[in-house]
C-alpha atoms as a PDB file:
ATOM      1  CA  MET A   1     -26.360 -18.707 -31.219  1.00  0.00           C
ATOM      2  CA  ALA A   2     -25.046 -22.329 -29.779  1.00  0.00           C
ATOM      3  CA  LEU A   3     -21.388 -23.074 -29.270  1.00  0.00           C
ATOM      4  CA  ASN A   4     -19.704 -26.645 -29.537  1.00  0.00           C
ATOM      5  CA  VAL A   5     -18.214 -26.760 -25.914  1.00  0.00           C
ATOM      6  CA  ILE A   6     -15.081 -28.889 -26.561  1.00  0.00           C
ATOM      7  CA  LEU A   7     -13.491 -29.290 -23.108  1.00  0.00           C
ATOM      8  CA  LYS A   8      -9.769 -30.808 -23.148  1.00  0.00           C
ATOM      9  CA  SER A   9      -8.425 -33.303 -19.983  1.00  0.00           C
ATOM     10  CA  MET A  10      -4.897 -32.836 -19.430  1.00  0.00           C
ATOM     11  CA  ARG A  11      -4.003 -35.702 -17.074  1.00  0.00           C
ATOM     12  CA  GLN A  12      -1.377 -35.187 -14.312  1.00  0.00           C
ATOM     13  CA  ILE A  13       1.984 -37.181 -14.573  1.00  0.00           C
ATOM     14  CA  LYS A  14       1.651 -40.409 -12.750  1.00  0.00           C
ATOM     15  CA  ILE A  15       5.109 -40.769 -11.756  1.00  0.00           C
ATOM     16  CA  GLN A  16       6.064 -38.004  -9.883  1.00  0.00           C
ATOM     17  CA  ASP A  17       9.879 -37.121  -8.068  1.00  0.00           C
ATOM     18  CA  THR A  18       8.879 -37.202  -4.942  1.00  0.00           C
ATOM     19  CA  PRO A  19       6.500 -39.049  -2.708  1.00  0.00           C
ATOM     20  CA  GLU A  20       4.741 -35.260  -1.546  1.00  0.00           C
ATOM     21  CA  LEU A  21       4.244 -34.260  -5.292  1.00  0.00           C
ATOM     22  CA  GLU A  22       2.966 -38.044  -6.111  1.00  0.00           C
ATOM     23  CA  GLU A  23      -0.154 -36.977  -3.281  1.00  0.00           C
ATOM     24  CA  LEU A  24      -0.507 -33.791  -4.873  1.00  0.00           C
ATOM     25  CA  THR A  25      -1.108 -35.522  -7.874  1.00  0.00           C
ATOM     26  CA  LYS A  26      -4.273 -37.434  -6.115  1.00  0.00           C
ATOM     27  CA  THR A  27      -8.053 -36.814  -4.958  1.00  0.00           C
ATOM     28  CA  GLU A  28      -9.150 -37.907  -1.778  1.00  0.00           C
ATOM     29  CA  GLY A  29     -10.521 -41.047  -3.137  1.00  0.00           C
ATOM     30  CA  GLY A  30      -6.497 -42.063  -4.398  1.00  0.00           C
ATOM     31  CA  ASN A  31      -7.850 -41.281  -8.014  1.00  0.00           C
ATOM     32  CA  GLN A  32      -5.239 -39.323 -10.645  1.00  0.00           C
ATOM     33  CA  LYS A  33      -6.299 -35.540 -10.760  1.00  0.00           C
ATOM     34  CA  HIS A  34      -7.650 -34.455 -14.128  1.00  0.00           C
ATOM     35  CA  ILE A  35      -7.594 -30.786 -15.265  1.00  0.00           C
ATOM     36  CA  TYR A  36     -10.656 -29.419 -18.129  1.00  0.00           C
ATOM     37  CA  TYR A  37     -10.502 -26.283 -19.818  1.00  0.00           C
ATOM     38  CA  ASN A  38     -12.470 -25.200 -22.520  1.00  0.00           C
ATOM     39  CA  PRO A  39     -10.570 -23.476 -25.093  1.00  0.00           C
ATOM     40  CA  THR A  40     -13.493 -21.602 -26.822  1.00  0.00           C
ATOM     41  CA  TRP A  41     -14.267 -20.098 -23.036  1.00  0.00           C
ATOM     42  CA  ASN A  42     -10.728 -19.073 -22.870  1.00  0.00           C
ATOM     43  CA  TYR A  43     -10.858 -17.097 -26.061  1.00  0.00           C
ATOM     44  CA  PHE A  44     -13.721 -15.401 -25.291  1.00  0.00           C
ATOM     45  CA  LYS A  45     -13.015 -14.240 -22.028  1.00  0.00           C
ATOM     46  CA  GLU A  46      -9.757 -12.827 -23.413  1.00  0.00           C
ATOM     47  CA  LEU A  47     -11.769 -11.161 -25.865  1.00  0.00           C
ATOM     48  CA  ILE A  48     -13.602  -9.412 -23.621  1.00  0.00           C
ATOM     49  CA  LYS A  49     -10.788  -8.947 -21.078  1.00  0.00           C
ATOM     50  CA  GLU A  50      -8.954  -6.740 -24.192  1.00  0.00           C
ATOM     51  CA  LYS A  51     -12.330  -4.890 -24.674  1.00  0.00           C
ATOM     52  CA  LEU A  52     -12.550  -3.714 -21.260  1.00  0.00           C
ATOM     53  CA  ASN A  53      -8.793  -2.722 -20.843  1.00  0.00           C
ATOM     54  CA  SER A  54      -9.320  -0.503 -24.203  1.00  0.00           C
ATOM     55  CA  GLU A  55      -9.370   2.870 -23.587  1.00  0.00           C
ATOM     56  CA  GLU A  56     -13.243   3.259 -24.665  1.00  0.00           C
ATOM     57  CA  GLY A  57     -14.125  -0.089 -22.821  1.00  0.00           C
ATOM     58  CA  SER A  58     -12.537   1.470 -19.461  1.00  0.00           C
ATOM     59  CA  ARG A  59     -14.773   4.201 -19.983  1.00  0.00           C
ATOM     60  CA  VAL A  60     -17.718   2.478 -20.634  1.00  0.00           C
ATOM     61  CA  TYR A  61     -17.439  -0.008 -17.766  1.00  0.00           C
ATOM     62  CA  ALA A  62     -16.858   3.067 -15.422  1.00  0.00           C
ATOM     63  CA  LYS A  63     -20.268   4.814 -16.676  1.00  0.00           C
ATOM     64  CA  ARG A  64     -21.716   1.394 -15.936  1.00  0.00           C
ATOM     65  CA  LYS A  65     -19.949   0.282 -12.774  1.00  0.00           C
ATOM     66  CA  THR A  66     -22.825   1.269 -10.234  1.00  0.00           C
ATOM     67  CA  ASP A  67     -25.295  -1.232  -8.178  1.00  0.00           C
ATOM     68  CA  VAL A  68     -28.177  -2.458  -8.795  1.00  0.00           C
ATOM     69  CA  LYS A  69     -29.847  -3.776  -6.063  1.00  0.00           C
ATOM     70  CA  PRO A  70     -31.332  -0.806  -4.777  1.00  0.00           C
ATOM     71  CA  VAL A  71     -33.076  -0.217  -7.711  1.00  0.00           C
ATOM     72  CA  PHE A  72     -34.559  -3.481  -7.405  1.00  0.00           C
ATOM     73  CA  GLY A  73     -35.234  -3.105  -4.298  1.00  0.00           C
ATOM     74  CA  ARG A  74     -37.320  -0.162  -4.960  1.00  0.00           C
ATOM     75  CA  LEU A  75     -38.967  -2.005  -7.787  1.00  0.00           C
ATOM     76  CA  LYS A  76     -39.927  -5.337  -5.535  1.00  0.00           C
ATOM     77  CA  SER A  77     -41.153  -2.868  -2.541  1.00  0.00           C
ATOM     78  CA  VAL A  78     -43.299  -0.695  -5.104  1.00  0.00           C
ATOM     79  CA  PHE A  79     -45.130  -3.611  -7.124  1.00  0.00           C
ATOM     80  CA  LEU A  80     -45.276  -6.278  -4.637  1.00  0.00           C
ATOM     81  CA  ARG A  81     -46.951  -4.443  -2.184  1.00  0.00           C
ATOM     82  CA  SER A  82     -49.273  -3.121  -4.431  1.00  0.00           C
ATOM     83  CA  GLN A  83     -50.953  -6.313  -5.876  1.00  0.00           C
ATOM     84  CA  SER A  84     -52.877  -8.433  -3.829  1.00  0.00           C
ATOM     85  CA  PRO A  85     -51.775 -12.048  -2.940  1.00  0.00           C
ATOM     86  CA  ARG A  86     -54.184 -14.484  -5.063  1.00  0.00           C
END
């Protein structure tokens, strides 16, 4: 499934009230700053956040919340040592 990525750009207001605010709207190179956001991505983030904050989502997440690094470490140590390098 491919999602069409839509990025919307918001430019900062070119004229600010004070010189300090004017400096904050510029990049290091002196160009105007841009803010990009993806409404499709934000929609899916909110959808997942709602599911995780539900009662069932919290229960499932509590079961899955474990550290997987030891499992992969054991797999690598067992399988990499048993095979000879080619």
